[in-house]
Amino acid sequence: MWYLILSTAFFIGGIVIIYWLHNQYHLDIVVKPVPPPQDAPLISICVPARNEERNIRACVESLLAQDYPNFEVIVLDDRSTDGTLDILRELAMESLSSLSVQEHTLTGTRAPVLHIIHGSELPSGWTGKPHALHQASAAARGEWLCFVDADTFLSFTALASCYAKALETNADMFTIMTFQYLGSFWEKVVMPLVMTALSVGFSPRKVNDPGRKDAIANGQFILIKSSVYRAIGGHERVKDQIVEDKAISEQVKWNGFHLIVADGMRVARTRMYTSLPEMWEGWTKNIFLGLRDQPSLLVLGVFGALLALIAALFLPIWPLLGFSWLFGSGGWRAVLVMIESLIFWSFLIWNRVRVVQKMEISPWYALTMPLGAAVFAAMMITSAVRVVSGKGVTWKGRIYSPK
């Protein structure tokens, strides 16, 4: 009888947890493509680039193609050791050629300006990305600043559409969740689970509520008023933070300014990682930093790792246990265990199919959930161990240790 009791408890608790996990991500504000505005203040787009030869051309070309009528693009080459700088120089020459052609033909339009800044050596007390954006923003002239990661690619209406939505929502800082492009097998297995886990930790509705302290931003795309950026001290205020997007969003909201996070998947795409080793380094770093900066999340992280381990190890054998019990002495109790396991699996797979279809990958990847859960659990456990042991993480050739 206790087999049936355990199975029933697991069934009821699991159904509740699955429903809760898959109903936390409420992006009520949606950015849709709109025509460019007539009255368009200058927007300075700032891009930090460190060893981004794989992405930088597509990123910058998408920025230069914006239909917003008044913007500049500033790319900070953060001492890259690959071909990033060479590609940027090519793009700068192409941009100048386009400007010359437009001036010669008197089209009446203004070609966007591309500025390339060579980053200085990382000072003591700074982390890489805040220092890069600090330098880029110092050269910006716009009334608004737009921070875009080098692995993010905008549709030609993105800047105008986000600016319009920022005005509509009266935002001082406006950030979007971009569509995550997944190409490789491991991206499709792991990333949907990671995105579901992130939705539990950060509720958009709470972030958008001015009465709550919850704050988060997606560094892949942030639009902020220059006056607000200066008022909070810019990236110098968060110079020692690796998760600088979250840190700067906290400075914005906690100082009384209006923070908005929106669904921008129709206007922006990101390709974060292309392989399992890249994902391991990137997400282990991100999880490590989240657990390090908020010790209360360490317990939640360990709990999440345990859930992932259960999903990876126990779920695949649950129906098999009921089946083997049925051919033993289980009788009707074994039948109930099998029914519970099959209903549970159906409910879980249905929810995972919804997630993967939103990410535009085959629904068959929902069946890889145990494999993805095993990888995710390993990342969580590795990050937790590094926090407890005092070991740091490496990111783009730089070592970051716990405080």
Protein backbone atom coordinates (compact mmCIF):
# COMPACT_ATOMS: atom_id res chain seq x y z
CA MET A 1 0.00 0.00 0.00
CA TRP A 2 2.82 2.44 0.74
CA TYR A 3 3.94 2.25 -2.93
CA LEU A 4 0.51 3.58 -3.89
CA ILE A 5 0.59 6.25 -1.19
CA LEU A 6 4.01 7.52 -2.35
CA SER A 7 2.92 7.48 -5.97
CA THR A 8 -0.27 9.41 -5.19
CA ALA A 9 1.59 12.00 -3.11
CA PHE A 10 4.14 12.44 -5.89
CA PHE A 11 1.34 12.67 -8.45
CA ILE A 12 -0.62 15.39 -6.63
CA GLY A 13 2.46 17.39 -5.63
CA GLY A 14 3.98 17.08 -9.10
CA ILE A 15 0.84 18.27 -10.88
CA VAL A 16 0.68 21.34 -8.63
CA ILE A 17 4.39 22.15 -9.15
CA ILE A 18 4.22 21.70 -12.93
CA TYR A 19 1.17 23.96 -13.19
CA TRP A 20 2.84 26.61 -11.01
CA LEU A 21 6.16 26.47 -12.89
CA HIS A 22 4.48 26.97 -16.26
CA ASN A 23 2.22 29.84 -15.23
CA GLN A 24 4.66 32.42 -13.86
CA TYR A 25 5.81 34.17 -17.02
CA HIS A 26 3.27 36.91 -17.66
CA LEU A 27 4.58 39.43 -20.20
CA ASP A 28 1.48 41.59 -20.44
CA ILE A 29 3.17 44.44 -22.32
CA VAL A 30 3.96 43.43 -25.89
CA VAL A 31 6.06 45.38 -28.39
CA LYS A 32 4.54 45.31 -31.87
CA PRO A 33 6.03 46.88 -35.01
CA VAL A 34 4.91 50.48 -35.52
CA PRO A 35 5.91 53.22 -37.99
CA PRO A 36 8.80 55.50 -36.99
CA PRO A 37 7.85 58.67 -35.10
CA GLN A 38 7.80 62.12 -36.69
CA ASP A 39 9.38 63.80 -33.67
CA ALA A 40 12.41 61.61 -33.00
CA PRO A 41 15.00 62.52 -30.37
CA LEU A 42 18.51 61.21 -30.88
CA ILE A 43 19.00 57.70 -29.54
CA SER A 44 22.54 56.41 -28.95
CA ILE A 45 22.83 52.64 -29.41
CA CYS A 46 25.77 51.28 -27.39
CA VAL A 47 27.17 47.81 -28.08
CA PRO A 48 29.89 46.14 -25.96
CA ALA A 49 31.91 43.67 -28.04
CA ARG A 50 34.56 41.30 -26.70
CA ASN A 51 35.61 38.51 -29.05
CA GLU A 52 32.33 38.63 -30.96
CA GLU A 53 33.53 37.91 -34.50
CA ARG A 54 30.73 35.35 -34.91
CA ASN A 55 27.93 37.84 -34.23
CA ILE A 56 29.15 41.39 -34.60
CA ARG A 57 28.51 41.88 -38.32
CA ALA A 58 24.90 40.69 -38.18
CA CYS A 59 24.29 42.67 -35.00
CA VAL A 60 25.66 45.98 -36.28
CA GLU A 61 24.07 45.61 -39.70
CA SER A 62 20.69 45.13 -38.04
CA LEU A 63 21.27 48.28 -35.99
CA LEU A 64 22.30 50.38 -38.97
CA ALA A 65 19.17 49.22 -40.84
CA GLN A 66 16.73 50.69 -38.27
CA ASP A 67 13.90 52.80 -39.69
CA TYR A 68 14.04 55.14 -36.69
CA PRO A 69 15.11 58.47 -38.22
CA ASN A 70 17.60 59.80 -35.64
CA PHE A 71 20.17 57.52 -34.04
CA GLU A 72 23.86 56.74 -33.77
CA VAL A 73 25.62 53.42 -33.18
CA ILE A 74 28.59 53.22 -30.81
CA VAL A 75 30.49 49.94 -30.60
CA LEU A 76 33.06 49.48 -27.85
CA ASP A 77 35.67 46.91 -28.84
CA ASP A 78 36.61 45.51 -25.44
CA ARG A 79 40.20 44.51 -26.29
CA SER A 80 39.12 41.65 -28.53
CA THR A 81 41.75 39.11 -29.56
CA ASP A 82 39.81 37.66 -32.52
CA GLY A 83 38.58 39.28 -35.73
CA THR A 84 35.99 41.54 -34.09
CA LEU A 85 37.89 44.78 -34.66
CA ASP A 86 38.63 43.98 -38.32
CA ILE A 87 34.94 43.36 -38.97
CA LEU A 88 34.03 46.61 -37.24
CA ARG A 89 36.46 48.53 -39.40
CA GLU A 90 34.91 47.02 -42.51
CA LEU A 91 31.46 48.02 -41.30
CA ALA A 92 32.65 51.55 -40.59
CA MET A 93 33.98 51.88 -44.12
CA GLU A 94 30.72 50.56 -45.53
CA SER A 95 28.78 53.02 -43.36
CA LEU A 96 30.89 55.93 -44.61
CA SER A 97 30.35 54.81 -48.19
CA SER A 98 26.59 54.74 -47.66
CA LEU A 99 26.70 58.22 -46.16
CA SER A 100 28.71 59.54 -49.11
CA VAL A 101 26.24 58.05 -51.59
CA GLN A 102 23.29 59.57 -49.77
CA GLU A 103 24.91 62.98 -49.63
CA HIS A 104 25.81 62.76 -53.29
CA THR A 105 22.29 61.82 -54.37
CA LEU A 106 20.64 64.30 -51.98
CA THR A 107 18.06 61.78 -50.82
CA GLY A 108 17.05 63.86 -47.83
CA THR A 109 17.69 60.97 -45.44
CA ARG A 110 20.45 60.74 -42.90
CA ALA A 111 22.61 57.63 -42.77
CA PRO A 112 23.23 56.38 -39.22
CA VAL A 113 26.64 57.13 -37.79
CA LEU A 114 28.84 54.23 -36.66
CA HIS A 115 31.46 55.04 -34.04
CA ILE A 116 34.10 52.51 -33.01
CA ILE A 117 35.78 52.99 -29.63
CA HIS A 118 38.82 51.05 -28.54
CA GLY A 119 38.34 49.96 -24.95
CA SER A 120 40.96 50.68 -22.32
CA GLU A 121 42.44 48.13 -19.95
CA LEU A 122 40.05 46.94 -17.25
CA PRO A 123 40.67 49.02 -14.09
CA SER A 124 40.79 47.49 -10.64
CA GLY A 125 37.34 47.16 -9.08
CA TRP A 126 35.51 46.98 -12.42
CA THR A 127 34.00 44.03 -14.24
CA GLY A 128 34.13 43.80 -18.00
CA LYS A 129 30.70 44.73 -19.34
CA PRO A 130 29.99 47.69 -17.01
CA HIS A 131 33.37 49.16 -17.96
CA ALA A 132 32.68 48.68 -21.67
CA LEU A 133 29.25 50.34 -21.46
CA HIS A 134 30.63 53.10 -19.25
CA GLN A 135 33.09 54.00 -21.99
CA ALA A 136 30.51 53.72 -24.76
CA SER A 137 27.93 55.84 -22.93
CA ALA A 138 30.53 58.54 -22.27
CA ALA A 139 30.73 59.09 -26.03
CA ALA A 140 26.94 59.06 -26.52
CA ARG A 141 25.05 62.24 -27.43
CA GLY A 142 21.48 60.95 -27.40
CA GLU A 143 18.55 61.88 -25.18
CA TRP A 144 18.04 58.12 -24.84
CA LEU A 145 20.62 55.38 -24.54
CA CYS A 146 20.01 51.92 -25.97
CA PHE A 147 22.26 49.10 -24.76
CA VAL A 148 22.31 46.12 -27.12
CA ASP A 149 24.37 42.95 -26.74
CA ALA A 150 26.52 41.82 -29.66
CA ASP A 151 24.62 38.52 -29.92
CA THR A 152 21.28 40.31 -30.40
CA PHE A 153 19.78 41.14 -33.78
CA LEU A 154 16.99 43.70 -34.25
CA SER A 155 14.27 43.87 -36.85
CA PHE A 156 14.31 47.16 -38.77
CA THR A 157 11.32 48.43 -36.74
CA ALA A 158 12.69 47.46 -33.31
CA LEU A 159 14.09 50.80 -32.15
CA ALA A 160 11.05 52.81 -33.23
CA SER A 161 8.65 50.23 -31.79
CA CYS A 162 10.41 50.04 -28.41
CA TYR A 163 10.68 53.82 -28.21
CA ALA A 164 6.94 54.14 -28.90
CA LYS A 165 6.09 51.55 -26.25
CA ALA A 166 8.42 53.24 -23.74
CA LEU A 167 6.54 56.51 -24.25
CA GLU A 168 3.18 54.75 -24.06
CA THR A 169 4.06 53.10 -20.73
CA ASN A 170 5.75 56.24 -19.37
CA ALA A 171 8.95 54.26 -18.83
CA ASP A 172 12.23 55.78 -17.71
CA MET A 173 13.93 52.47 -18.43
CA PHE A 174 12.44 50.01 -20.91
CA THR A 175 13.75 46.50 -21.47
CA ILE A 176 12.49 43.60 -23.55
CA MET A 177 12.71 39.85 -23.52
CA THR A 178 14.06 38.87 -26.91
CA PHE A 179 13.27 35.76 -28.89
CA GLN A 180 15.93 33.12 -28.21
CA TYR A 181 17.09 31.50 -31.42
CA LEU A 182 18.12 27.88 -30.84
CA GLY A 183 20.12 26.05 -33.48
CA SER A 184 21.99 23.08 -32.03
CA PHE A 185 20.62 19.94 -30.34
CA TRP A 186 21.85 20.92 -26.87
CA GLU A 187 20.40 24.42 -27.13
CA LYS A 188 16.99 22.93 -27.88
CA VAL A 189 17.30 20.46 -25.01
CA VAL A 190 18.57 22.78 -22.27
CA MET A 191 17.48 26.35 -23.06
CA PRO A 192 13.69 25.81 -22.79
CA LEU A 193 14.18 24.47 -19.25
CA VAL A 194 16.47 27.36 -18.32
CA MET A 195 13.93 29.90 -19.58
CA THR A 196 11.17 28.23 -17.55
CA ALA A 197 13.36 28.36 -14.44
CA LEU A 198 14.08 32.06 -15.00
CA SER A 199 10.37 32.82 -15.22
CA VAL A 200 9.95 31.50 -11.68
CA GLY A 201 12.62 33.77 -10.24
CA PHE A 202 11.54 36.99 -11.92
CA SER A 203 7.89 37.87 -12.46
CA PRO A 204 7.34 40.60 -15.10
CA ARG A 205 4.14 41.69 -13.37
CA LYS A 206 6.01 42.30 -10.13
CA VAL A 207 8.80 44.14 -11.96
CA ASN A 208 6.28 46.39 -13.71
CA ASP A 209 4.49 47.19 -10.46
CA PRO A 210 5.89 50.52 -9.13
CA GLY A 211 4.80 49.53 -5.63
CA ARG A 212 7.17 46.54 -5.47
CA LYS A 213 10.94 46.43 -5.20
CA ASP A 214 11.31 43.59 -7.73
CA ALA A 215 13.62 44.67 -10.53
CA ILE A 216 15.17 42.90 -13.48
CA ALA A 217 16.36 43.86 -16.94
CA ASN A 218 17.56 41.99 -19.99
CA GLY A 219 20.96 43.35 -20.97
CA GLN A 220 20.36 42.15 -24.52
CA PHE A 221 18.19 45.26 -25.01
CA ILE A 222 17.79 48.18 -22.62
CA LEU A 223 16.40 51.62 -23.50
CA ILE A 224 16.93 54.29 -20.85
CA LYS A 225 16.67 58.07 -20.67
CA SER A 226 20.11 59.66 -20.57
CA SER A 227 19.02 61.93 -17.73
CA VAL A 228 17.94 58.91 -15.66
CA TYR A 229 21.14 57.06 -16.49
CA ARG A 230 23.21 59.98 -15.21
CA ALA A 231 20.99 60.44 -12.16
CA ILE A 232 21.64 56.90 -10.93
CA GLY A 233 25.37 57.15 -11.60
CA GLY A 234 25.43 55.10 -14.79
CA HIS A 235 27.44 51.91 -15.01
CA GLU A 236 30.01 53.33 -12.64
CA ARG A 237 27.42 52.85 -9.91
CA VAL A 238 27.38 49.09 -10.63
CA LYS A 239 30.99 48.77 -11.80
CA ASP A 240 31.73 45.61 -9.78
CA GLN A 241 28.61 43.72 -10.89
CA ILE A 242 28.77 40.99 -13.53
CA VAL A 243 24.96 40.78 -13.74
CA GLU A 244 25.00 44.49 -14.47
CA ASP A 245 21.58 44.55 -16.14
CA LYS A 246 19.81 43.46 -12.97
CA ALA A 247 21.96 45.77 -10.86
CA ILE A 248 21.23 48.85 -12.96
CA SER A 249 17.51 48.04 -13.08
CA GLU A 250 17.51 47.99 -9.29
CA GLN A 251 19.17 51.41 -9.20
CA VAL A 252 16.52 52.75 -11.57
CA LYS A 253 13.53 51.38 -9.70
CA TRP A 254 14.82 51.88 -6.16
CA ASN A 255 15.51 55.54 -6.92
CA GLY A 256 11.89 56.14 -7.86
CA PHE A 257 12.08 55.89 -11.65
CA HIS A 258 9.68 53.85 -13.78
CA LEU A 259 10.96 50.45 -14.95
CA ILE A 260 9.13 48.40 -17.58
CA VAL A 261 9.90 44.92 -18.89
CA ALA A 262 8.05 43.84 -22.02
CA ASP A 263 7.74 41.09 -24.60
CA GLY A 264 9.95 42.10 -27.51
CA MET A 265 10.13 38.75 -29.28
CA ARG A 266 8.54 40.15 -32.43
CA VAL A 267 11.26 42.73 -32.92
CA ALA A 268 14.51 41.21 -31.54
CA ARG A 269 16.30 37.87 -31.59
CA THR A 270 19.28 36.58 -29.64
CA ARG A 271 21.62 33.63 -30.13
CA MET A 272 23.28 33.31 -26.73
CA TYR A 273 25.18 30.05 -27.15
CA THR A 274 25.82 27.54 -29.92
CA SER A 275 27.13 24.49 -28.05
CA LEU A 276 26.95 22.63 -24.76
CA PRO A 277 30.38 23.90 -23.53
CA GLU A 278 29.30 27.51 -24.20
CA MET A 279 26.02 26.99 -22.38
CA TRP A 280 27.79 25.30 -19.49
CA GLU A 281 30.21 28.21 -19.06
CA GLY A 282 27.55 30.88 -19.55
CA TRP A 283 24.74 29.50 -17.42
CA THR A 284 27.02 28.15 -14.70
CA LYS A 285 28.37 31.69 -14.44
CA ASN A 286 24.91 33.27 -14.39
CA ILE A 287 23.51 30.83 -11.83
CA PHE A 288 26.63 31.22 -9.70
CA LEU A 289 26.27 34.99 -9.69
CA GLY A 290 22.57 34.84 -8.86
CA LEU A 291 23.19 32.52 -5.92
CA ARG A 292 26.18 34.56 -4.78
CA ASP A 293 24.43 37.91 -4.84
CA GLN A 294 21.26 36.65 -3.13
CA PRO A 295 22.05 33.99 -0.51
CA SER A 296 18.34 33.38 0.02
CA LEU A 297 18.23 32.02 -3.52
CA LEU A 298 20.86 29.42 -2.62
CA VAL A 299 18.23 27.34 -0.81
CA LEU A 300 15.81 27.80 -3.72
CA GLY A 301 18.60 26.84 -6.11
CA VAL A 302 19.34 23.63 -4.26
CA PHE A 303 15.60 22.84 -4.20
CA GLY A 304 15.45 23.49 -7.95
CA ALA A 305 18.42 21.19 -8.51
CA LEU A 306 16.69 18.44 -6.52
CA LEU A 307 13.52 18.83 -8.59
CA ALA A 308 15.57 18.64 -11.77
CA LEU A 309 17.34 15.51 -10.53
CA ILE A 310 14.02 13.89 -9.68
CA ALA A 311 12.74 14.75 -13.14
CA ALA A 312 15.87 13.36 -14.75
CA LEU A 313 16.22 10.16 -12.75
CA PHE A 314 12.82 9.13 -11.40
CA LEU A 315 10.25 10.24 -13.99
CA PRO A 316 11.47 7.92 -16.78
CA ILE A 317 11.24 4.83 -14.53
CA TRP A 318 7.99 5.67 -12.73
CA PRO A 319 5.71 4.01 -15.32
CA LEU A 320 8.12 1.09 -15.57
CA LEU A 321 7.93 0.52 -11.81
CA GLY A 322 4.15 0.39 -11.99
CA PHE A 323 4.30 -1.97 -14.97
CA SER A 324 6.73 -4.36 -13.25
CA TRP A 325 4.63 -4.25 -10.07
CA LEU A 326 1.55 -5.14 -12.10
CA PHE A 327 3.20 -8.35 -13.27
CA GLY A 328 4.21 -9.07 -9.69
CA SER A 329 1.65 -8.89 -6.97
CA GLY A 330 0.46 -5.30 -7.40
CA GLY A 331 -3.01 -5.92 -8.73
CA TRP A 332 -5.31 -2.88 -8.85
CA ARG A 333 -2.83 -0.81 -6.84
CA ALA A 334 -0.21 -1.24 -9.56
CA VAL A 335 -2.81 -0.24 -12.16
CA LEU A 336 -3.45 2.99 -10.22
CA VAL A 337 0.28 3.72 -10.04
CA MET A 338 0.58 3.25 -13.80
CA ILE A 339 -2.43 5.50 -14.45
CA GLU A 340 -1.04 8.21 -12.17
CA SER A 341 2.36 8.09 -13.85
CA LEU A 342 0.88 8.24 -17.35
CA ILE A 343 -1.44 11.15 -16.49
CA PHE A 344 1.48 12.95 -14.89
CA TRP A 345 3.70 12.39 -17.93
CA SER A 346 0.94 13.54 -20.28
CA PHE A 347 0.41 16.74 -18.28
CA LEU A 348 4.15 17.42 -18.13
CA ILE A 349 4.77 16.79 -21.82
CA TRP A 350 1.76 18.92 -22.79
CA ASN A 351 3.21 21.85 -20.84
CA ARG A 352 6.69 21.30 -22.29
CA VAL A 353 5.25 21.18 -25.82
CA ARG A 354 3.68 24.60 -25.22
CA VAL A 355 7.08 25.96 -24.17
CA VAL A 356 9.11 24.54 -27.05
CA GLN A 357 6.54 25.58 -29.65
CA LYS A 358 6.75 29.17 -28.41
CA MET A 359 10.49 28.91 -28.95
CA GLU A 360 9.82 27.67 -32.50
CA ILE A 361 11.41 24.24 -32.16
CA SER A 362 9.95 20.81 -32.78
CA PRO A 363 7.45 19.61 -30.16
CA TRP A 364 9.39 16.33 -30.07
CA TYR A 365 12.02 18.13 -27.98
CA ALA A 366 9.53 18.08 -25.11
CA LEU A 367 10.44 14.41 -24.74
CA THR A 368 14.08 15.34 -24.00
CA MET A 369 13.02 16.98 -20.73
CA PRO A 370 14.75 14.39 -18.46
CA LEU A 371 18.04 14.88 -20.34
CA GLY A 372 17.77 18.65 -20.16
CA ALA A 373 16.83 18.46 -16.49
CA ALA A 374 19.95 16.41 -15.78
CA VAL A 375 22.18 19.05 -17.43
CA PHE A 376 20.35 21.87 -15.66
CA ALA A 377 20.69 20.12 -12.29
CA ALA A 378 24.41 19.66 -12.90
CA MET A 379 24.79 23.39 -13.64
CA MET A 380 22.84 24.32 -10.51
CA ILE A 381 24.87 22.00 -8.29
CA THR A 382 28.18 23.17 -9.78
CA SER A 383 27.26 26.80 -9.22
CA ALA A 384 26.11 26.16 -5.64
CA VAL A 385 29.34 24.31 -4.84
CA ARG A 386 31.39 27.19 -6.23
CA VAL A 387 29.50 29.66 -4.05
CA VAL A 388 29.93 27.59 -0.88
CA SER A 389 33.58 26.71 -1.58
CA GLY A 390 34.56 30.25 -2.56
CA LYS A 391 35.67 29.28 -6.06
CA GLY A 392 35.03 31.70 -8.88
CA VAL A 393 34.00 31.41 -12.50
CA THR A 394 35.67 32.26 -15.79
CA TRP A 395 33.92 34.32 -18.45
CA LYS A 396 35.51 35.47 -21.71
CA GLY A 397 39.00 35.05 -20.37
CA ARG A 398 38.38 36.88 -17.10
CA ILE A 399 38.13 35.26 -13.68
CA TYR A 400 35.46 36.40 -11.23
CA SER A 401 35.50 35.26 -7.63
CA PRO A 402 32.93 35.46 -4.82
CA LYS A 403 33.08 38.51 -2.60
